[in-house]
Amino acid sequence: DDEGTSQVWDTVKQIAQDKTLIIVEHKINEIVEWVDRIIVLS
């Protein structure tokens, strides 16, 4: 749900500040401004 989605991404942002992340996600609103880079596959 929306609350759970926010909780998970808040957690990821806290614990992964210095980590490398590669994410596949359709629900992009929570992270689109946070990620450094977007790669699009055809």
PDB file of all heavy atoms in Angstrom:
ATOM      1  N   ASP A   1       0.839  -1.179   0.000  1.00  0.00           N
ATOM      2  CA  ASP A   1       0.000   0.000   0.000  1.00  0.00           C
ATOM      3  C   ASP A   1       0.885   1.243   0.000  1.00  0.00           C
ATOM      4  O   ASP A   1       2.113   1.163   0.065  1.00  0.00           O
ATOM      5  CB  ASP A   1      -0.957  -0.001   1.197  1.00  0.00           C
ATOM      6  CG  ASP A   1      -0.234  -0.171   2.528  1.00  0.00           C
ATOM      7  OD1 ASP A   1       0.900   0.319   2.659  1.00  0.00           O
ATOM      8  OD2 ASP A   1      -0.803  -0.794   3.438  1.00  0.00           O
ATOM      9  N   ASP A   2       0.254   2.419  -0.071  1.00  0.00           N
ATOM     10  CA  ASP A   2       1.025   3.658  -0.162  1.00  0.00           C
ATOM     11  C   ASP A   2       1.940   3.846   1.044  1.00  0.00           C
ATOM     12  O   ASP A   2       3.104   4.249   0.911  1.00  0.00           O
ATOM     13  CB  ASP A   2       0.085   4.859  -0.285  1.00  0.00           C
ATOM     14  CG  ASP A   2      -0.615   4.903  -1.629  1.00  0.00           C
ATOM     15  OD1 ASP A   2      -0.155   4.218  -2.554  1.00  0.00           O
ATOM     16  OD2 ASP A   2      -1.620   5.632  -1.755  1.00  0.00           O
ATOM     17  N   GLU A   3       1.420   3.561   2.246  1.00  0.00           N
ATOM     18  CA  GLU A   3       2.226   3.725   3.451  1.00  0.00           C
ATOM     19  C   GLU A   3       3.399   2.756   3.449  1.00  0.00           C
ATOM     20  O   GLU A   3       4.533   3.130   3.766  1.00  0.00           O
ATOM     21  CB  GLU A   3       1.360   3.501   4.696  1.00  0.00           C
ATOM     22  CG  GLU A   3       2.120   3.677   6.000  1.00  0.00           C
ATOM     23  CD  GLU A   3       1.253   3.432   7.225  1.00  0.00           C
ATOM     24  OE1 GLU A   3       0.046   3.155   7.056  1.00  0.00           O
ATOM     25  OE2 GLU A   3       1.788   3.504   8.342  1.00  0.00           O
ATOM     26  N   GLY A   4       3.130   1.504   3.086  1.00  0.00           N
ATOM     27  CA  GLY A   4       4.197   0.515   3.046  1.00  0.00           C
ATOM     28  C   GLY A   4       5.240   0.841   2.002  1.00  0.00           C
ATOM     29  O   GLY A   4       6.438   0.649   2.217  1.00  0.00           O
ATOM     30  N   THR A   5       4.793   1.347   0.849  1.00  0.00           N
ATOM     31  CA  THR A   5       5.726   1.751  -0.201  1.00  0.00           C
ATOM     32  C   THR A   5       6.653   2.845   0.296  1.00  0.00           C
ATOM     33  O   THR A   5       7.878   2.785   0.107  1.00  0.00           O
ATOM     34  CB  THR A   5       4.956   2.240  -1.440  1.00  0.00           C
ATOM     35  OG1 THR A   5       4.187   1.159  -1.978  1.00  0.00           O
ATOM     36  CG2 THR A   5       5.899   2.762  -2.509  1.00  0.00           C
ATOM     37  N   SER A   6       6.079   3.844   0.945  1.00  0.00           N
ATOM     38  CA  SER A   6       6.897   4.942   1.474  1.00  0.00           C
ATOM     39  C   SER A   6       7.871   4.438   2.536  1.00  0.00           C
ATOM     40  O   SER A   6       9.038   4.858   2.573  1.00  0.00           O
ATOM     41  CB  SER A   6       5.992   6.032   2.067  1.00  0.00           C
ATOM     42  OG  SER A   6       5.206   6.630   1.063  1.00  0.00           O
ATOM     43  N   GLN A   7       7.407   3.533   3.401  1.00  0.00           N
ATOM     44  CA  GLN A   7       8.268   3.000   4.456  1.00  0.00           C
ATOM     45  C   GLN A   7       9.465   2.254   3.865  1.00  0.00           C
ATOM     46  O   GLN A   7      10.605   2.443   4.313  1.00  0.00           O
ATOM     47  CB  GLN A   7       7.473   2.065   5.369  1.00  0.00           C
ATOM     48  CG  GLN A   7       6.526   2.767   6.317  1.00  0.00           C
ATOM     49  CD  GLN A   7       5.750   1.783   7.177  1.00  0.00           C
ATOM     50  OE1 GLN A   7       5.713   0.585   6.905  1.00  0.00           O
ATOM     51  NE2 GLN A   7       5.126   2.289   8.222  1.00  0.00           N
ATOM     52  N   VAL A   8       9.206   1.436   2.866  1.00  0.00           N
ATOM     53  CA  VAL A   8      10.296   0.660   2.270  1.00  0.00           C
ATOM     54  C   VAL A   8      11.310   1.584   1.602  1.00  0.00           C
ATOM     55  O   VAL A   8      12.527   1.454   1.799  1.00  0.00           O
ATOM     56  CB  VAL A   8       9.747  -0.369   1.266  1.00  0.00           C
ATOM     57  CG1 VAL A   8      10.884  -0.935   0.398  1.00  0.00           C
ATOM     58  CG2 VAL A   8       9.055  -1.506   2.003  1.00  0.00           C
ATOM     59  N   TRP A   9      10.823   2.551   0.811  1.00  0.00           N
ATOM     60  CA  TRP A   9      11.765   3.427   0.113  1.00  0.00           C
ATOM     61  C   TRP A   9      12.482   4.365   1.071  1.00  0.00           C
ATOM     62  O   TRP A   9      13.658   4.681   0.868  1.00  0.00           O
ATOM     63  CB  TRP A   9      11.062   4.214  -0.988  1.00  0.00           C
ATOM     64  CG  TRP A   9      10.749   3.366  -2.182  1.00  0.00           C
ATOM     65  CD1 TRP A   9       9.538   3.154  -2.749  1.00  0.00           C
ATOM     66  CD2 TRP A   9      11.678   2.595  -2.952  1.00  0.00           C
ATOM     67  NE1 TRP A   9       9.644   2.296  -3.819  1.00  0.00           N
ATOM     68  CE2 TRP A   9      10.946   1.941  -3.962  1.00  0.00           C
ATOM     69  CE3 TRP A   9      13.049   2.374  -2.886  1.00  0.00           C
ATOM     70  CZ2 TRP A   9      11.544   1.095  -4.904  1.00  0.00           C
ATOM     71  CZ3 TRP A   9      13.649   1.537  -3.811  1.00  0.00           C
ATOM     72  CH2 TRP A   9      12.897   0.913  -4.807  1.00  0.00           C
ATOM     73  N   ASP A  10      11.805   4.805   2.141  1.00  0.00           N
ATOM     74  CA  ASP A  10      12.498   5.606   3.155  1.00  0.00           C
ATOM     75  C   ASP A  10      13.623   4.798   3.789  1.00  0.00           C
ATOM     76  O   ASP A  10      14.725   5.313   4.033  1.00  0.00           O
ATOM     77  CB  ASP A  10      11.511   6.057   4.239  1.00  0.00           C
ATOM     78  CG  ASP A  10      10.584   7.167   3.760  1.00  0.00           C
ATOM     79  OD1 ASP A  10      10.881   7.756   2.705  1.00  0.00           O
ATOM     80  OD2 ASP A  10       9.569   7.424   4.436  1.00  0.00           O
ATOM     81  N   THR A  11      13.347   3.514   4.042  1.00  0.00           N
ATOM     82  CA  THR A  11      14.361   2.636   4.619  1.00  0.00           C
ATOM     83  C   THR A  11      15.531   2.453   3.662  1.00  0.00           C
ATOM     84  O   THR A  11      16.702   2.551   4.050  1.00  0.00           O
ATOM     85  CB  THR A  11      13.755   1.264   4.957  1.00  0.00           C
ATOM     86  OG1 THR A  11      12.740   1.427   5.946  1.00  0.00           O
ATOM     87  CG2 THR A  11      14.815   0.313   5.472  1.00  0.00           C
ATOM     88  N   VAL A  12      15.215   2.194   2.392  1.00  0.00           N
ATOM     89  CA  VAL A  12      16.276   1.999   1.401  1.00  0.00           C
ATOM     90  C   VAL A  12      17.148   3.249   1.304  1.00  0.00           C
ATOM     91  O   VAL A  12      18.386   3.169   1.257  1.00  0.00           O
ATOM     92  CB  VAL A  12      15.674   1.648   0.032  1.00  0.00           C
ATOM     93  CG1 VAL A  12      16.757   1.643  -1.047  1.00  0.00           C
ATOM     94  CG2 VAL A  12      14.990   0.292   0.082  1.00  0.00           C
ATOM     95  N   LYS A  13      16.509   4.400   1.277  1.00  0.00           N
ATOM     96  CA  LYS A  13      17.268   5.652   1.168  1.00  0.00           C
ATOM     97  C   LYS A  13      18.185   5.866   2.365  1.00  0.00           C
ATOM     98  O   LYS A  13      19.296   6.392   2.233  1.00  0.00           O
ATOM     99  CB  LYS A  13      16.299   6.826   1.023  1.00  0.00           C
ATOM    100  CG  LYS A  13      15.534   6.832  -0.294  1.00  0.00           C
ATOM    101  CD  LYS A  13      14.444   7.898  -0.320  1.00  0.00           C
ATOM    102  CE  LYS A  13      13.614   7.804  -1.580  1.00  0.00           C
ATOM    103  NZ  LYS A  13      12.504   8.791  -1.610  1.00  0.00           N
ATOM    104  N   GLN A  14      17.739   5.434   3.547  1.00  0.00           N
ATOM    105  CA  GLN A  14      18.548   5.604   4.750  1.00  0.00           C
ATOM    106  C   GLN A  14      19.743   4.660   4.770  1.00  0.00           C
ATOM    107  O   GLN A  14      20.863   5.068   5.086  1.00  0.00           O
ATOM    108  CB  GLN A  14      17.686   5.365   5.994  1.00  0.00           C
ATOM    109  CG  GLN A  14      16.645   6.445   6.247  1.00  0.00           C
ATOM    110  CD  GLN A  14      15.700   6.075   7.374  1.00  0.00           C
ATOM    111  OE1 GLN A  14      15.935   5.118   8.107  1.00  0.00           O
ATOM    112  NE2 GLN A  14      14.614   6.836   7.514  1.00  0.00           N
ATOM    113  N   ILE A  15      19.497   3.404   4.422  1.00  0.00           N
ATOM    114  CA  ILE A  15      20.567   2.397   4.564  1.00  0.00           C
ATOM    115  C   ILE A  15      21.454   2.306   3.323  1.00  0.00           C
ATOM    116  O   ILE A  15      22.507   1.656   3.363  1.00  0.00           O
ATOM    117  CB  ILE A  15      19.986   1.011   4.904  1.00  0.00           C
ATOM    118  CG1 ILE A  15      19.064   0.510   3.777  1.00  0.00           C
ATOM    119  CG2 ILE A  15      19.232   1.068   6.211  1.00  0.00           C
ATOM    120  CD1 ILE A  15      19.676  -0.380   2.782  1.00  0.00           C
ATOM    121  N   ALA A  16      21.040   2.933   2.233  1.00  0.00           N
ATOM    122  CA  ALA A  16      21.768   2.751   0.980  1.00  0.00           C
ATOM    123  C   ALA A  16      22.401   4.033   0.463  1.00  0.00           C
ATOM    124  O   ALA A  16      22.722   4.131  -0.719  1.00  0.00           O
ATOM    125  CB  ALA A  16      20.828   2.177  -0.080  1.00  0.00           C
ATOM    126  N   GLN A  17      22.629   4.997   1.334  1.00  0.00           N
ATOM    127  CA  GLN A  17      23.207   6.260   0.880  1.00  0.00           C
ATOM    128  C   GLN A  17      24.564   6.056   0.216  1.00  0.00           C
ATOM    129  O   GLN A  17      24.901   6.734  -0.754  1.00  0.00           O
ATOM    130  CB  GLN A  17      23.333   7.227   2.059  1.00  0.00           C
ATOM    131  CG  GLN A  17      21.997   7.693   2.611  1.00  0.00           C
ATOM    132  CD  GLN A  17      22.154   8.714   3.741  1.00  0.00           C
ATOM    133  OE1 GLN A  17      23.262   9.206   3.975  1.00  0.00           O
ATOM    134  NE2 GLN A  17      21.077   9.026   4.422  1.00  0.00           N
ATOM    135  N   ASP A  18      25.351   5.123   0.732  1.00  0.00           N
ATOM    136  CA  ASP A  18      26.682   4.879   0.169  1.00  0.00           C
ATOM    137  C   ASP A  18      26.753   3.557  -0.582  1.00  0.00           C
ATOM    138  O   ASP A  18      27.837   3.082  -0.901  1.00  0.00           O
ATOM    139  CB  ASP A  18      27.733   4.893   1.278  1.00  0.00           C
ATOM    140  CG  ASP A  18      27.459   3.842   2.350  1.00  0.00           C
ATOM    141  OD1 ASP A  18      26.337   3.287   2.376  1.00  0.00           O
ATOM    142  OD2 ASP A  18      28.370   3.575   3.157  1.00  0.00           O
ATOM    143  N   LYS A  19      25.589   2.950  -0.863  1.00  0.00           N
ATOM    144  CA  LYS A  19      25.567   1.669  -1.558  1.00  0.00           C
ATOM    145  C   LYS A  19      25.182   1.860  -3.024  1.00  0.00           C
ATOM    146  O   LYS A  19      24.555   2.854  -3.408  1.00  0.00           O
ATOM    147  CB  LYS A  19      24.572   0.707  -0.900  1.00  0.00           C
ATOM    148  CG  LYS A  19      24.985   0.216   0.487  1.00  0.00           C
ATOM    149  CD  LYS A  19      23.993  -0.806   1.000  1.00  0.00           C
ATOM    150  CE  LYS A  19      24.354  -1.286   2.407  1.00  0.00           C
ATOM    151  NZ  LYS A  19      25.630  -2.025   2.401  1.00  0.00           N
ATOM    152  N   THR A  20      25.535   0.873  -3.812  1.00  0.00           N
ATOM    153  CA  THR A  20      25.113   0.834  -5.209  1.00  0.00           C
ATOM    154  C   THR A  20      23.744   0.155  -5.285  1.00  0.00           C
ATOM    155  O   THR A  20      23.540  -0.900  -4.685  1.00  0.00           O
ATOM    156  CB  THR A  20      26.130   0.050  -6.053  1.00  0.00           C
ATOM    157  OG1 THR A  20      27.436   0.593  -5.852  1.00  0.00           O
ATOM    158  CG2 THR A  20      25.763   0.098  -7.523  1.00  0.00           C
ATOM    159  N   LEU A  21      22.821   0.763  -6.014  1.00  0.00           N
ATOM    160  CA  LEU A  21      21.489   0.193  -6.180  1.00  0.00           C
ATOM    161  C   LEU A  21      21.138   0.106  -7.653  1.00  0.00           C
ATOM    162  O   LEU A  21      21.371   1.052  -8.414  1.00  0.00           O
ATOM    163  CB  LEU A  21      20.425   1.063  -5.491  1.00  0.00           C
ATOM    164  CG  LEU A  21      20.029   0.701  -4.072  1.00  0.00           C
ATOM    165  CD1 LEU A  21      21.104   1.143  -3.103  1.00  0.00           C
ATOM    166  CD2 LEU A  21      18.695   1.354  -3.718  1.00  0.00           C
ATOM    167  N   ILE A  22      20.572  -1.032  -8.045  1.00  0.00           N
ATOM    168  CA  ILE A  22      19.995  -1.182  -9.376  1.00  0.00           C
ATOM    169  C   ILE A  22      18.559  -1.634  -9.159  1.00  0.00           C
ATOM    170  O   ILE A  22      18.317  -2.691  -8.571  1.00  0.00           O
ATOM    171  CB  ILE A  22      20.777  -2.177 -10.242  1.00  0.00           C
ATOM    172  CG1 ILE A  22      22.249  -1.759 -10.334  1.00  0.00           C
ATOM    173  CG2 ILE A  22      20.161  -2.271 -11.634  1.00  0.00           C
ATOM    174  CD1 ILE A  22      23.107  -2.691 -11.152  1.00  0.00           C
ATOM    175  N   ILE A  23      17.621  -0.831  -9.634  1.00  0.00           N
ATOM    176  CA  ILE A  23      16.221  -1.005  -9.281  1.00  0.00           C
ATOM    177  C   ILE A  23      15.371  -1.212 -10.529  1.00  0.00           C
ATOM    178  O   ILE A  23      15.486  -0.473 -11.509  1.00  0.00           O
ATOM    179  CB  ILE A  23      15.696   0.241  -8.530  1.00  0.00           C
ATOM    180  CG1 ILE A  23      16.574   0.572  -7.321  1.00  0.00           C
ATOM    181  CG2 ILE A  23      14.235   0.063  -8.111  1.00  0.00           C
ATOM    182  CD1 ILE A  23      16.365   1.985  -6.791  1.00  0.00           C
ATOM    183  N   VAL A  24      14.509  -2.229 -10.471  1.00  0.00           N
ATOM    184  CA  VAL A  24      13.428  -2.367 -11.444  1.00  0.00           C
ATOM    185  C   VAL A  24      12.144  -2.047 -10.694  1.00  0.00           C
ATOM    186  O   VAL A  24      11.847  -2.648  -9.667  1.00  0.00           O
ATOM    187  CB  VAL A  24      13.364  -3.795 -12.024  1.00  0.00           C
ATOM    188  CG1 VAL A  24      12.092  -3.972 -12.852  1.00  0.00           C
ATOM    189  CG2 VAL A  24      14.595  -4.090 -12.869  1.00  0.00           C
ATOM    190  N   GLU A  25      11.391  -1.079 -11.193  1.00  0.00           N
ATOM    191  CA  GLU A  25      10.186  -0.645 -10.473  1.00  0.00           C
ATOM    192  C   GLU A  25       9.248   0.077 -11.421  1.00  0.00           C
ATOM    193  O   GLU A  25       9.676   0.921 -12.209  1.00  0.00           O
ATOM    194  CB  GLU A  25      10.592   0.275  -9.311  1.00  0.00           C
ATOM    195  CG  GLU A  25       9.441   0.796  -8.464  1.00  0.00           C
ATOM    196  CD  GLU A  25       8.704  -0.303  -7.740  1.00  0.00           C
ATOM    197  OE1 GLU A  25       7.833  -0.934  -8.372  1.00  0.00           O
ATOM    198  OE2 GLU A  25       8.981  -0.534  -6.546  1.00  0.00           O
ATOM    199  N   HIS A  26       7.960  -0.293 -11.358  1.00  0.00           N
ATOM    200  CA  HIS A  26       6.950   0.428 -12.131  1.00  0.00           C
ATOM    201  C   HIS A  26       6.396   1.620 -11.348  1.00  0.00           C
ATOM    202  O   HIS A  26       5.979   2.610 -11.940  1.00  0.00           O
ATOM    203  CB  HIS A  26       5.801  -0.512 -12.512  1.00  0.00           C
ATOM    204  CG  HIS A  26       6.155  -1.498 -13.575  1.00  0.00           C
ATOM    205  ND1 HIS A  26       6.603  -1.121 -14.826  1.00  0.00           N
ATOM    206  CD2 HIS A  26       6.132  -2.854 -13.588  1.00  0.00           C
ATOM    207  CE1 HIS A  26       6.828  -2.193 -15.563  1.00  0.00           C
ATOM    208  NE2 HIS A  26       6.553  -3.258 -14.831  1.00  0.00           N
ATOM    209  N   LYS A  27       6.357   1.506 -10.012  1.00  0.00           N
ATOM    210  CA  LYS A  27       5.841   2.599  -9.171  1.00  0.00           C
ATOM    211  C   LYS A  27       6.998   3.570  -8.897  1.00  0.00           C
ATOM    212  O   LYS A  27       7.713   3.439  -7.916  1.00  0.00           O
ATOM    213  CB  LYS A  27       5.281   2.032  -7.869  1.00  0.00           C
ATOM    214  CG  LYS A  27       4.069   1.144  -8.073  1.00  0.00           C
ATOM    215  CD  LYS A  27       3.811   0.228  -6.895  1.00  0.00           C
ATOM    216  CE  LYS A  27       3.579   0.966  -5.606  1.00  0.00           C
ATOM    217  NZ  LYS A  27       3.232   0.059  -4.488  1.00  0.00           N
ATOM    218  N   ILE A  28       7.162   4.536  -9.773  1.00  0.00           N
ATOM    219  CA  ILE A  28       8.393   5.325  -9.773  1.00  0.00           C
ATOM    220  C   ILE A  28       8.301   6.622  -8.984  1.00  0.00           C
ATOM    221  O   ILE A  28       9.324   7.276  -8.761  1.00  0.00           O
ATOM    222  CB  ILE A  28       8.824   5.654 -11.220  1.00  0.00           C
ATOM    223  CG1 ILE A  28       7.745   6.486 -11.923  1.00  0.00           C
ATOM    224  CG2 ILE A  28       9.106   4.370 -11.989  1.00  0.00           C
ATOM    225  CD1 ILE A  28       8.137   6.940 -13.317  1.00  0.00           C
ATOM    226  N   ASN A  29       7.114   7.018  -8.547  1.00  0.00           N
ATOM    227  CA  ASN A  29       6.962   8.349  -7.947  1.00  0.00           C
ATOM    228  C   ASN A  29       7.832   8.559  -6.712  1.00  0.00           C
ATOM    229  O   ASN A  29       8.313   9.665  -6.457  1.00  0.00           O
ATOM    230  CB  ASN A  29       5.492   8.593  -7.591  1.00  0.00           C
ATOM    231  CG  ASN A  29       4.625   8.769  -8.825  1.00  0.00           C
ATOM    232  OD1 ASN A  29       5.127   9.074  -9.897  1.00  0.00           O
ATOM    233  ND2 ASN A  29       3.332   8.543  -8.688  1.00  0.00           N
ATOM    234  N   GLU A  30       8.029   7.494  -5.911  1.00  0.00           N
ATOM    235  CA  GLU A  30       8.784   7.611  -4.666  1.00  0.00           C
ATOM    236  C   GLU A  30      10.290   7.771  -4.891  1.00  0.00           C
ATOM    237  O   GLU A  30      11.003   8.230  -4.010  1.00  0.00           O
ATOM    238  CB  GLU A  30       8.532   6.390  -3.783  1.00  0.00           C
ATOM    239  CG  GLU A  30       7.129   6.294  -3.217  1.00  0.00           C
ATOM    240  CD  GLU A  30       6.967   7.093  -1.940  1.00  0.00           C
ATOM    241  OE1 GLU A  30       7.998   7.551  -1.394  1.00  0.00           O
ATOM    242  OE2 GLU A  30       5.822   7.270  -1.489  1.00  0.00           O
ATOM    243  N   ILE A  31      10.771   7.379  -6.069  1.00  0.00           N
ATOM    244  CA  ILE A  31      12.226   7.323  -6.246  1.00  0.00           C
ATOM    245  C   ILE A  31      12.753   8.090  -7.444  1.00  0.00           C
ATOM    246  O   ILE A  31      13.967   8.224  -7.605  1.00  0.00           O
ATOM    247  CB  ILE A  31      12.701   5.850  -6.358  1.00  0.00           C
ATOM    248  CG1 ILE A  31      11.975   5.129  -7.512  1.00  0.00           C
ATOM    249  CG2 ILE A  31      12.521   5.132  -5.053  1.00  0.00           C
ATOM    250  CD1 ILE A  31      12.528   3.744  -7.792  1.00  0.00           C
ATOM    251  N   VAL A  32      11.853   8.596  -8.281  1.00  0.00           N
ATOM    252  CA  VAL A  32      12.316   9.179  -9.538  1.00  0.00           C
ATOM    253  C   VAL A  32      13.231  10.380  -9.311  1.00  0.00           C
ATOM    254  O   VAL A  32      14.177  10.622 -10.083  1.00  0.00           O
ATOM    255  CB  VAL A  32      11.104   9.558 -10.423  1.00  0.00           C
ATOM    256  CG1 VAL A  32      10.297  10.695  -9.800  1.00  0.00           C
ATOM    257  CG2 VAL A  32      11.557   9.931 -11.822  1.00  0.00           C
ATOM    258  N   GLU A  33      13.016  11.148  -8.243  1.00  0.00           N
ATOM    259  CA  GLU A  33      13.865  12.296  -7.973  1.00  0.00           C
ATOM    260  C   GLU A  33      15.115  11.913  -7.181  1.00  0.00           C
ATOM    261  O   GLU A  33      15.994  12.755  -6.971  1.00  0.00           O
ATOM    262  CB  GLU A  33      13.072  13.361  -7.192  1.00  0.00           C
ATOM    263  CG  GLU A  33      11.850  13.901  -7.932  1.00  0.00           C
ATOM    264  CD  GLU A  33      12.242  14.633  -9.199  1.00  0.00           C
ATOM    265  OE1 GLU A  33      13.373  15.158  -9.254  1.00  0.00           O
ATOM    266  OE2 GLU A  33      11.420  14.671 -10.148  1.00  0.00           O
ATOM    267  N   TRP A  34      15.182  10.673  -6.736  1.00  0.00           N
ATOM    268  CA  TRP A  34      16.282  10.224  -5.874  1.00  0.00           C
ATOM    269  C   TRP A  34      17.371   9.495  -6.645  1.00  0.00           C
ATOM    270  O   TRP A  34      18.555   9.597  -6.307  1.00  0.00           O
ATOM    271  CB  TRP A  34      15.709   9.327  -4.766  1.00  0.00           C
ATOM    272  CG  TRP A  34      16.725   8.723  -3.855  1.00  0.00           C
ATOM    273  CD1 TRP A  34      17.561   9.373  -2.995  1.00  0.00           C
ATOM    274  CD2 TRP A  34      17.011   7.330  -3.703  1.00  0.00           C
ATOM    275  NE1 TRP A  34      18.340   8.479  -2.306  1.00  0.00           N
ATOM    276  CE2 TRP A  34      18.030   7.215  -2.723  1.00  0.00           C
ATOM    277  CE3 TRP A  34      16.499   6.177  -4.280  1.00  0.00           C
ATOM    278  CZ2 TRP A  34      18.537   5.974  -2.330  1.00  0.00           C
ATOM    279  CZ3 TRP A  34      16.997   4.945  -3.886  1.00  0.00           C
ATOM    280  CH2 TRP A  34      18.014   4.865  -2.921  1.00  0.00           C
ATOM    281  N   VAL A  35      16.987   8.761  -7.680  1.00  0.00           N
ATOM    282  CA  VAL A  35      17.983   7.984  -8.421  1.00  0.00           C
ATOM    283  C   VAL A  35      18.884   8.912  -9.230  1.00  0.00           C
ATOM    284  O   VAL A  35      18.498  10.024  -9.607  1.00  0.00           O
ATOM    285  CB  VAL A  35      17.317   6.945  -9.350  1.00  0.00           C
ATOM    286  CG1 VAL A  35      16.537   5.932  -8.532  1.00  0.00           C
ATOM    287  CG2 VAL A  35      16.412   7.614 -10.375  1.00  0.00           C
ATOM    288  N   ASP A  36      20.112   8.452  -9.475  1.00  0.00           N
ATOM    289  CA  ASP A  36      21.083   9.238 -10.244  1.00  0.00           C
ATOM    290  C   ASP A  36      20.894   9.083 -11.747  1.00  0.00           C
ATOM    291  O   ASP A  36      21.265   9.982 -12.517  1.00  0.00           O
ATOM    292  CB  ASP A  36      22.512   8.786  -9.892  1.00  0.00           C
ATOM    293  CG  ASP A  36      22.804   8.881  -8.411  1.00  0.00           C
ATOM    294  OD1 ASP A  36      22.562   9.954  -7.831  1.00  0.00           O
ATOM    295  OD2 ASP A  36      23.268   7.873  -7.829  1.00  0.00           O
ATOM    296  N   ARG A  37      20.310   7.975 -12.141  1.00  0.00           N
ATOM    297  CA  ARG A  37      20.389   7.613 -13.551  1.00  0.00           C
ATOM    298  C   ARG A  37      19.219   6.696 -13.911  1.00  0.00           C
ATOM    299  O   ARG A  37      18.806   5.860 -13.103  1.00  0.00           O
ATOM    300  CB  ARG A  37      21.721   6.896 -13.770  1.00  0.00           C
ATOM    301  CG  ARG A  37      22.022   6.362 -15.146  1.00  0.00           C
ATOM    302  CD  ARG A  37      23.383   5.690 -15.074  1.00  0.00           C
ATOM    303  NE  ARG A  37      23.751   4.952 -16.270  1.00  0.00           N
ATOM    304  CZ  ARG A  37      24.733   4.063 -16.324  1.00  0.00           C
ATOM    305  NH1 ARG A  37      25.465   3.817 -15.237  1.00  0.00           N
ATOM    306  NH2 ARG A  37      25.005   3.426 -17.447  1.00  0.00           N
ATOM    307  N   ILE A  38      18.701   6.853 -15.113  1.00  0.00           N
ATOM    308  CA  ILE A  38      17.648   5.979 -15.621  1.00  0.00           C
ATOM    309  C   ILE A  38      18.130   5.334 -16.909  1.00  0.00           C
ATOM    310  O   ILE A  38      18.638   6.008 -17.813  1.00  0.00           O
ATOM    311  CB  ILE A  38      16.347   6.755 -15.867  1.00  0.00           C
ATOM    312  CG1 ILE A  38      15.726   7.181 -14.529  1.00  0.00           C
ATOM    313  CG2 ILE A  38      15.349   5.923 -16.657  1.00  0.00           C
ATOM    314  CD1 ILE A  38      14.441   7.956 -14.672  1.00  0.00           C
ATOM    315  N   ILE A  39      17.988   4.021 -16.977  1.00  0.00           N
ATOM    316  CA  ILE A  39      18.319   3.260 -18.176  1.00  0.00           C
ATOM    317  C   ILE A  39      17.039   2.637 -18.706  1.00  0.00           C
ATOM    318  O   ILE A  39      16.289   2.011 -17.952  1.00  0.00           O
ATOM    319  CB  ILE A  39      19.361   2.164 -17.883  1.00  0.00           C
ATOM    320  CG1 ILE A  39      20.676   2.790 -17.406  1.00  0.00           C
ATOM    321  CG2 ILE A  39      19.591   1.284 -19.113  1.00  0.00           C
ATOM    322  CD1 ILE A  39      21.703   1.763 -16.953  1.00  0.00           C
ATOM    323  N   VAL A  40      16.764   2.824 -19.989  1.00  0.00           N
ATOM    324  CA  VAL A  40      15.532   2.324 -20.596  1.00  0.00           C
ATOM    325  C   VAL A  40      15.863   1.222 -21.585  1.00  0.00           C
ATOM    326  O   VAL A  40      16.727   1.387 -22.453  1.00  0.00           O
ATOM    327  CB  VAL A  40      14.768   3.450 -21.315  1.00  0.00           C
ATOM    328  CG1 VAL A  40      13.466   2.914 -21.915  1.00  0.00           C
ATOM    329  CG2 VAL A  40      14.474   4.603 -20.358  1.00  0.00           C
ATOM    330  N   LEU A  41      15.168   0.077 -21.444  1.00  0.00           N
ATOM    331  CA  LEU A  41      15.300  -1.035 -22.374  1.00  0.00           C
ATOM    332  C   LEU A  41      14.135  -1.033 -23.351  1.00  0.00           C
ATOM    333  O   LEU A  41      12.992  -0.757 -22.974  1.00  0.00           O
ATOM    334  CB  LEU A  41      15.325  -2.374 -21.632  1.00  0.00           C
ATOM    335  CG  LEU A  41      16.488  -2.644 -20.682  1.00  0.00           C
ATOM    336  CD1 LEU A  41      16.355  -4.042 -20.079  1.00  0.00           C
ATOM    337  CD2 LEU A  41      17.824  -2.507 -21.389  1.00  0.00           C
ATOM    338  N   SER A  42      14.417  -1.367 -24.588  1.00  0.00           N
ATOM    339  CA  SER A  42      13.368  -1.537 -25.593  1.00  0.00           C
ATOM    340  C   SER A  42      12.724  -2.908 -25.415  1.00  0.00           C
ATOM    341  O   SER A  42      13.231  -3.748 -24.652  1.00  0.00           O
ATOM    342  CB  SER A  42      13.978  -1.443 -26.994  1.00  0.00           C
ATOM    343  OG  SER A  42      14.762  -2.603 -27.262  1.00  0.00           O
TER     344      SER A  42
END
